[in-house]
Amino acid sequence: MKNIFEYFWLKKKEPELDEFTVSVAESVTAGALSNSLCAEPGASKYFKGGIIAYSINSKKEILGVDIKYAEKNNFANPFTTFEMAKSVANMFNSRIGMATTGYSLPTSRDENLEKGECLLDIKVPYAFICLYDSKTGDQIINKVVFKYDNTKSDIINKATMQAKVGLEGRRIYMEFKNSKLEVKETKIGYEKNDV
């Protein structure tokens, strides 16, 4: 299976196949993942919507993220990213929920126990990408590390990181979808070489 459009062509012939609709909750990528998933014509067949929850308050109010846990664990952590992916899948009633958290630039702050704030000392920008399958409960969480280029401005570094993480998220989605589809196709009689 080369791309999602072949899947939808096949879907018309085999109605028992599950749709791999996707919705996205983004923080660090600020829309770059949604953009990369919608880059091809016809994306409305599988992309149900997205939310940019950049602030911790929007993560709490819109996505129901446990902000006490997030704050104590550096905001950008696998569990918070999973919570966001699961929540957005439920909100949009999509099979796949994806989420991103992370830091696009080096940053630091002191610990403040009175405010419940953890120490931040991010020297190497990174992001977590979570893909959650609401049908099976499967989840994939990848950490992407970004090399900061001191010769470029923060704006260029941030935009580059966001785009690269967005593209990596799209790759994860396509790989997951295609691996699941190959299993489905085997069940309905297709040989791997026939696809």
Foldseek 3Di string as FASTA:
>chain_A
DPFVVVVVVVCVVPVVDDAQAEEEEEALLQCLLVCVCPVDPPSVVRYQYYHDQHDLVSCCPVQVFPSLVCQLVVVADDVSQVSNQVSRCVVRVGQKGKYKDWFLAFDWDDADVVVSHHTGGRPWTKMWMWIAGPVPRDIDIDMGTADDDPVDDSVVSSNVVSNVVSVVNSVVSGVVVVVVVVVVVVVVPDDPVND
